[in-house]
PDB file of all heavy atoms in Angstrom:
ATOM      1  N   ARG A   1      79.472 106.314  63.275  1.00  0.00           N
ATOM      2  CA  ARG A   1      78.147 106.144  63.839  1.00  0.00           C
ATOM      3  C   ARG A   1      77.850 104.666  63.988  1.00  0.00           C
ATOM      4  O   ARG A   1      77.532 104.002  63.015  1.00  0.00           O
ATOM      5  CB  ARG A   1      77.094 106.781  62.943  1.00  0.00           C
ATOM      6  CG  ARG A   1      75.682 106.721  63.521  1.00  0.00           C
ATOM      7  CD  ARG A   1      75.359 107.974  64.312  1.00  0.00           C
ATOM      8  NE  ARG A   1      75.403 107.773  65.739  1.00  0.00           N
ATOM      9  CZ  ARG A   1      75.382 108.766  66.614  1.00  0.00           C
ATOM     10  NH1 ARG A   1      75.350 110.009  66.220  1.00  0.00           N
ATOM     11  NH2 ARG A   1      75.416 108.516  67.895  1.00  0.00           N
ATOM     12  N   GLU A   2      78.028 104.137  65.161  1.00  0.00           N
ATOM     13  CA  GLU A   2      77.726 102.743  65.431  1.00  0.00           C
ATOM     14  C   GLU A   2      76.259 102.671  65.833  1.00  0.00           C
ATOM     15  O   GLU A   2      75.895 102.931  66.975  1.00  0.00           O
ATOM     16  CB  GLU A   2      78.623 102.200  66.548  1.00  0.00           C
ATOM     17  CG  GLU A   2      80.091 102.107  66.188  1.00  0.00           C
ATOM     18  CD  GLU A   2      80.409 100.873  65.349  1.00  0.00           C
ATOM     19  OE1 GLU A   2      79.455 100.226  64.860  1.00  0.00           O
ATOM     20  OE2 GLU A   2      81.601 100.575  65.182  1.00  0.00           O
ATOM     21  N   HIS A   3      75.401 102.276  64.888  1.00  0.00           N
ATOM     22  CA  HIS A   3      73.961 102.305  65.147  1.00  0.00           C
ATOM     23  C   HIS A   3      73.574 101.333  66.260  1.00  0.00           C
ATOM     24  O   HIS A   3      72.655 101.605  67.036  1.00  0.00           O
ATOM     25  CB  HIS A   3      73.199 101.987  63.861  1.00  0.00           C
ATOM     26  CG  HIS A   3      73.405 103.000  62.774  1.00  0.00           C
ATOM     27  ND1 HIS A   3      72.829 104.254  62.827  1.00  0.00           N
ATOM     28  CD2 HIS A   3      74.143 102.957  61.630  1.00  0.00           C
ATOM     29  CE1 HIS A   3      73.193 104.943  61.753  1.00  0.00           C
ATOM     30  NE2 HIS A   3      73.981 104.192  61.017  1.00  0.00           N
ATOM     31  N   TRP A   4      74.267 100.211  66.344  1.00  0.00           N
ATOM     32  CA  TRP A   4      73.931  99.252  67.391  1.00  0.00           C
ATOM     33  C   TRP A   4      74.264  99.809  68.768  1.00  0.00           C
ATOM     34  O   TRP A   4      73.569  99.506  69.748  1.00  0.00           O
ATOM     35  CB  TRP A   4      74.634  97.922  67.147  1.00  0.00           C
ATOM     36  CG  TRP A   4      76.127  97.963  67.182  1.00  0.00           C
ATOM     37  CD1 TRP A   4      76.967  98.203  66.143  1.00  0.00           C
ATOM     38  CD2 TRP A   4      76.964  97.760  68.331  1.00  0.00           C
ATOM     39  NE1 TRP A   4      78.280  98.167  66.557  1.00  0.00           N
ATOM     40  CE2 TRP A   4      78.308  97.882  67.894  1.00  0.00           C
ATOM     41  CE3 TRP A   4      76.715  97.471  69.672  1.00  0.00           C
ATOM     42  CZ2 TRP A   4      79.388  97.736  68.765  1.00  0.00           C
ATOM     43  CZ3 TRP A   4      77.790  97.326  70.534  1.00  0.00           C
ATOM     44  CH2 TRP A   4      79.112  97.453  70.079  1.00  0.00           C
ATOM     45  N   MET A   5      75.302 100.652  68.851  1.00  0.00           N
ATOM     46  CA  MET A   5      75.608 101.281  70.134  1.00  0.00           C
ATOM     47  C   MET A   5      74.528 102.283  70.513  1.00  0.00           C
ATOM     48  O   MET A   5      74.167 102.413  71.692  1.00  0.00           O
ATOM     49  CB  MET A   5      76.972 101.951  70.083  1.00  0.00           C
ATOM     50  CG  MET A   5      78.131 100.970  70.140  1.00  0.00           C
ATOM     51  SD  MET A   5      79.735 101.803  70.223  1.00  0.00           S
ATOM     52  CE  MET A   5      79.566 102.679  71.785  1.00  0.00           C
ATOM     53  N   ASP A   6      73.998 102.998  69.531  1.00  0.00           N
ATOM     54  CA  ASP A   6      72.872 103.885  69.806  1.00  0.00           C
ATOM     55  C   ASP A   6      71.697 103.087  70.348  1.00  0.00           C
ATOM     56  O   ASP A   6      71.028 103.509  71.299  1.00  0.00           O
ATOM     57  CB  ASP A   6      72.443 104.615  68.529  1.00  0.00           C
ATOM     58  CG  ASP A   6      73.424 105.681  68.105  1.00  0.00           C
ATOM     59  OD1 ASP A   6      74.150 106.199  68.973  1.00  0.00           O
ATOM     60  OD2 ASP A   6      73.484 105.996  66.901  1.00  0.00           O
ATOM     61  N   ALA A   7      71.431 101.911  69.732  1.00  0.00           N
ATOM     62  CA  ALA A   7      70.314 101.082  70.176  1.00  0.00           C
ATOM     63  C   ALA A   7      70.530 100.588  71.606  1.00  0.00           C
ATOM     64  O   ALA A   7      69.599 100.603  72.430  1.00  0.00           O
ATOM     65  CB  ALA A   7      70.123  99.904  69.228  1.00  0.00           C
ATOM     66  N   LEU A   8      71.747 100.162  71.926  1.00  0.00           N
ATOM     67  CA  LEU A   8      72.034  99.710  73.289  1.00  0.00           C
ATOM     68  C   LEU A   8      71.874 100.840  74.291  1.00  0.00           C
ATOM     69  O   LEU A   8      71.337 100.656  75.387  1.00  0.00           O
ATOM     70  CB  LEU A   8      73.451  99.148  73.369  1.00  0.00           C
ATOM     71  CG  LEU A   8      73.734  97.853  72.612  1.00  0.00           C
ATOM     72  CD1 LEU A   8      75.170  97.420  72.822  1.00  0.00           C
ATOM     73  CD2 LEU A   8      72.768  96.743  73.035  1.00  0.00           C
ATOM     74  N   ARG A   9      72.337 102.023  73.903  1.00  0.00           N
ATOM     75  CA  ARG A   9      72.189 103.182  74.775  1.00  0.00           C
ATOM     76  C   ARG A   9      70.709 103.501  74.964  1.00  0.00           C
ATOM     77  O   ARG A   9      70.275 103.868  76.063  1.00  0.00           O
ATOM     78  CB  ARG A   9      72.931 104.369  74.154  1.00  0.00           C
ATOM     79  CG  ARG A   9      73.206 105.514  75.098  1.00  0.00           C
ATOM     80  CD  ARG A   9      74.058 106.566  74.416  1.00  0.00           C
ATOM     81  NE  ARG A   9      75.387 106.061  74.112  1.00  0.00           N
ATOM     82  CZ  ARG A   9      75.878 105.937  72.891  1.00  0.00           C
ATOM     83  NH1 ARG A   9      75.152 106.273  71.852  1.00  0.00           N
ATOM     84  NH2 ARG A   9      77.100 105.478  72.706  1.00  0.00           N
ATOM     85  N   GLY A  10      69.940 103.350  73.890  1.00  0.00           N
ATOM     86  CA  GLY A  10      68.504 103.585  73.980  1.00  0.00           C
ATOM     87  C   GLY A  10      67.832 102.605  74.921  1.00  0.00           C
ATOM     88  O   GLY A  10      66.982 102.988  75.739  1.00  0.00           O
ATOM     89  N   VAL A  11      68.204 101.322  74.831  1.00  0.00           N
ATOM     90  CA  VAL A  11      67.654 100.317  75.741  1.00  0.00           C
ATOM     91  C   VAL A  11      67.989 100.674  77.182  1.00  0.00           C
ATOM     92  O   VAL A  11      67.124 100.636  78.069  1.00  0.00           O
ATOM     93  CB  VAL A  11      68.208  98.917  75.396  1.00  0.00           C
ATOM     94  CG1 VAL A  11      67.847  97.916  76.495  1.00  0.00           C
ATOM     95  CG2 VAL A  11      67.662  98.442  74.060  1.00  0.00           C
ATOM     96  N   ALA A  12      69.246 101.024  77.426  1.00  0.00           N
ATOM     97  CA  ALA A  12      69.684 101.326  78.790  1.00  0.00           C
ATOM     98  C   ALA A  12      68.923 102.508  79.375  1.00  0.00           C
ATOM     99  O   ALA A  12      68.470 102.464  80.529  1.00  0.00           O
ATOM    100  CB  ALA A  12      71.187 101.590  78.817  1.00  0.00           C
ATOM    101  N   VAL A  13      68.768 103.580  78.603  1.00  0.00           N
ATOM    102  CA  VAL A  13      68.113 104.769  79.153  1.00  0.00           C
ATOM    103  C   VAL A  13      66.614 104.527  79.340  1.00  0.00           C
ATOM    104  O   VAL A  13      66.011 105.028  80.300  1.00  0.00           O
ATOM    105  CB  VAL A  13      68.390 106.011  78.279  1.00  0.00           C
ATOM    106  CG1 VAL A  13      67.582 105.993  76.996  1.00  0.00           C
ATOM    107  CG2 VAL A  13      68.121 107.287  79.073  1.00  0.00           C
ATOM    108  N   LEU A  14      65.992 103.742  78.469  1.00  0.00           N
ATOM    109  CA  LEU A  14      64.574 103.411  78.660  1.00  0.00           C
ATOM    110  C   LEU A  14      64.393 102.553  79.909  1.00  0.00           C
ATOM    111  O   LEU A  14      63.396 102.701  80.631  1.00  0.00           O
ATOM    112  CB  LEU A  14      64.027 102.688  77.432  1.00  0.00           C
ATOM    113  CG  LEU A  14      63.834 103.565  76.186  1.00  0.00           C
ATOM    114  CD1 LEU A  14      63.437 102.705  74.983  1.00  0.00           C
ATOM    115  CD2 LEU A  14      62.781 104.650  76.420  1.00  0.00           C
ATOM    116  N   LEU A  15      65.345 101.663  80.172  1.00  0.00           N
ATOM    117  CA  LEU A  15      65.276 100.864  81.392  1.00  0.00           C
ATOM    118  C   LEU A  15      65.444 101.733  82.636  1.00  0.00           C
ATOM    119  O   LEU A  15      64.838 101.471  83.681  1.00  0.00           O
ATOM    120  CB  LEU A  15      66.347  99.777  81.365  1.00  0.00           C
ATOM    121  CG  LEU A  15      66.084  98.601  80.423  1.00  0.00           C
ATOM    122  CD1 LEU A  15      67.283  97.669  80.378  1.00  0.00           C
ATOM    123  CD2 LEU A  15      64.838  97.824  80.849  1.00  0.00           C
ATOM    124  N   VAL A  16      66.268 102.779  82.525  1.00  0.00           N
ATOM    125  CA  VAL A  16      66.413 103.726  83.634  1.00  0.00           C
ATOM    126  C   VAL A  16      65.072 104.390  83.928  1.00  0.00           C
ATOM    127  O   VAL A  16      64.629 104.462  85.083  1.00  0.00           O
ATOM    128  CB  VAL A  16      67.482 104.786  83.319  1.00  0.00           C
ATOM    129  CG1 VAL A  16      67.424 105.925  84.340  1.00  0.00           C
ATOM    130  CG2 VAL A  16      68.872 104.169  83.312  1.00  0.00           C
ATOM    131  N   VAL A  17      64.407 104.860  82.881  1.00  0.00           N
ATOM    132  CA  VAL A  17      63.107 105.523  83.061  1.00  0.00           C
ATOM    133  C   VAL A  17      62.104 104.540  83.657  1.00  0.00           C
ATOM    134  O   VAL A  17      61.377 104.870  84.609  1.00  0.00           O
ATOM    135  CB  VAL A  17      62.593 106.093  81.732  1.00  0.00           C
ATOM    136  CG1 VAL A  17      61.225 106.740  81.926  1.00  0.00           C
ATOM    137  CG2 VAL A  17      63.573 107.115  81.170  1.00  0.00           C
ATOM    138  N   PHE A  18      62.060 103.323  83.102  1.00  0.00           N
ATOM    139  CA  PHE A  18      61.126 102.318  83.619  1.00  0.00           C
ATOM    140  C   PHE A  18      61.383 102.037  85.095  1.00  0.00           C
ATOM    141  O   PHE A  18      60.450 101.973  85.906  1.00  0.00           O
ATOM    142  CB  PHE A  18      61.246 101.027  82.807  1.00  0.00           C
ATOM    143  CG  PHE A  18      60.523  99.876  83.440  1.00  0.00           C
ATOM    144  CD1 PHE A  18      59.134  99.802  83.392  1.00  0.00           C
ATOM    145  CD2 PHE A  18      61.217  98.877  84.111  1.00  0.00           C
ATOM    146  CE1 PHE A  18      58.457  98.741  84.001  1.00  0.00           C
ATOM    147  CE2 PHE A  18      60.553  97.819  84.720  1.00  0.00           C
ATOM    148  CZ  PHE A  18      59.165  97.756  84.662  1.00  0.00           C
ATOM    149  N   THR A  19      62.642 101.852  85.455  1.00  0.00           N
ATOM    150  CA  THR A  19      62.986 101.570  86.853  1.00  0.00           C
ATOM    151  C   THR A  19      62.509 102.687  87.767  1.00  0.00           C
ATOM    152  O   THR A  19      61.934 102.443  88.831  1.00  0.00           O
ATOM    153  CB  THR A  19      64.506 101.387  87.002  1.00  0.00           C
ATOM    154  OG1 THR A  19      64.920 100.269  86.212  1.00  0.00           O
ATOM    155  CG2 THR A  19      64.890 101.142  88.453  1.00  0.00           C
ATOM    156  N   HIS A  20      62.735 103.921  87.353  1.00  0.00           N
ATOM    157  CA  HIS A  20      62.347 105.053  88.190  1.00  0.00           C
ATOM    158  C   HIS A  20      60.837 105.197  88.304  1.00  0.00           C
ATOM    159  O   HIS A  20      60.334 105.646  89.342  1.00  0.00           O
ATOM    160  CB  HIS A  20      62.971 106.339  87.645  1.00  0.00           C
ATOM    161  CG  HIS A  20      64.439 106.429  87.891  1.00  0.00           C
ATOM    162  ND1 HIS A  20      65.254 107.338  87.249  1.00  0.00           N
ATOM    163  CD2 HIS A  20      65.256 105.709  88.715  1.00  0.00           C
ATOM    164  CE1 HIS A  20      66.499 107.166  87.660  1.00  0.00           C
ATOM    165  NE2 HIS A  20      66.522 106.195  88.554  1.00  0.00           N
ATOM    166  N   THR A  21      60.093 104.820  87.263  1.00  0.00           N
ATOM    167  CA  THR A  21      58.629 104.918  87.369  1.00  0.00           C
ATOM    168  C   THR A  21      58.090 103.955  88.426  1.00  0.00           C
ATOM    169  O   THR A  21      56.991 104.169  88.946  1.00  0.00           O
ATOM    170  CB  THR A  21      57.946 104.626  86.022  1.00  0.00           C
ATOM    171  OG1 THR A  21      58.278 103.290  85.583  1.00  0.00           O
ATOM    172  CG2 THR A  21      58.337 105.639  84.967  1.00  0.00           C
ATOM    173  N   TYR A  22      58.864 102.930  88.744  1.00  0.00           N
ATOM    174  CA  TYR A  22      58.452 102.007  89.808  1.00  0.00           C
ATOM    175  C   TYR A  22      59.038 102.373  91.167  1.00  0.00           C
ATOM    176  O   TYR A  22      58.330 102.352  92.183  1.00  0.00           O
ATOM    177  CB  TYR A  22      58.842 100.572  89.451  1.00  0.00           C
ATOM    178  CG  TYR A  22      58.601  99.608  90.596  1.00  0.00           C
ATOM    179  CD1 TYR A  22      57.298  99.292  90.979  1.00  0.00           C
ATOM    180  CD2 TYR A  22      59.657  99.051  91.306  1.00  0.00           C
ATOM    181  CE1 TYR A  22      57.059  98.437  92.052  1.00  0.00           C
ATOM    182  CE2 TYR A  22      59.430  98.195  92.377  1.00  0.00           C
ATOM    183  CZ  TYR A  22      58.133  97.894  92.744  1.00  0.00           C
ATOM    184  OH  TYR A  22      57.890  97.063  93.801  1.00  0.00           O
ATOM    185  N   THR A  23      60.326 102.725  91.200  1.00  0.00           N
ATOM    186  CA  THR A  23      60.996 102.917  92.489  1.00  0.00           C
ATOM    187  C   THR A  23      60.780 104.309  93.083  1.00  0.00           C
ATOM    188  O   THR A  23      60.655 104.454  94.292  1.00  0.00           O
ATOM    189  CB  THR A  23      62.500 102.655  92.350  1.00  0.00           C
ATOM    190  OG1 THR A  23      63.063 103.561  91.388  1.00  0.00           O
ATOM    191  CG2 THR A  23      62.764 101.219  91.910  1.00  0.00           C
ATOM    192  N   MET A  24      60.770 105.340  92.258  1.00  0.00           N
ATOM    193  CA  MET A  24      60.743 106.702  92.775  1.00  0.00           C
ATOM    194  C   MET A  24      59.436 107.102  93.449  1.00  0.00           C
ATOM    195  O   MET A  24      59.452 107.858  94.425  1.00  0.00           O
ATOM    196  CB  MET A  24      61.104 107.699  91.676  1.00  0.00           C
ATOM    197  CG  MET A  24      62.560 107.642  91.278  1.00  0.00           C
ATOM    198  SD  MET A  24      63.663 107.871  92.713  1.00  0.00           S
ATOM    199  CE  MET A  24      65.266 107.701  91.941  1.00  0.00           C
ATOM    200  N   PRO A  25      58.248 106.645  92.972  1.00  0.00           N
ATOM    201  CA  PRO A  25      57.029 107.017  93.698  1.00  0.00           C
ATOM    202  C   PRO A  25      57.061 106.614  95.164  1.00  0.00           C
ATOM    203  O   PRO A  25      56.528 107.325  96.019  1.00  0.00           O
ATOM    204  CB  PRO A  25      55.937 106.254  92.927  1.00  0.00           C
ATOM    205  CG  PRO A  25      56.464 106.169  91.540  1.00  0.00           C
ATOM    206  CD  PRO A  25      57.948 105.957  91.718  1.00  0.00           C
ATOM    207  N   GLN A  26      57.727 105.493  95.468  1.00  0.00           N
ATOM    208  CA  GLN A  26      57.802 105.062  96.861  1.00  0.00           C
ATOM    209  C   GLN A  26      58.620 106.048  97.698  1.00  0.00           C
ATOM    210  O   GLN A  26      58.354 106.235  98.882  1.00  0.00           O
ATOM    211  CB  GLN A  26      58.419 103.672  96.915  1.00  0.00           C
ATOM    212  CG  GLN A  26      57.620 102.637  96.136  1.00  0.00           C
ATOM    213  CD  GLN A  26      58.340 101.313  95.987  1.00  0.00           C
ATOM    214  OE1 GLN A  26      58.872 100.782  96.957  1.00  0.00           O
ATOM    215  NE2 GLN A  26      58.358 100.765  94.793  1.00  0.00           N
ATOM    216  N   GLY A  27      59.617 106.670  97.069  1.00  0.00           N
ATOM    217  CA  GLY A  27      60.400 107.681  97.765  1.00  0.00           C
ATOM    218  C   GLY A  27      59.684 109.000  97.890  1.00  0.00           C
ATOM    219  O   GLY A  27      60.141 109.902  98.592  1.00  0.00           O
TER     220      GLY A  27
END
């Protein structure tokens, strides 16, 4: 269990959600 890898994965997926909350409404 690499906890730092979990944290990086968490950052990445939260950034995905954030990006979509801005880009997807326009679509």
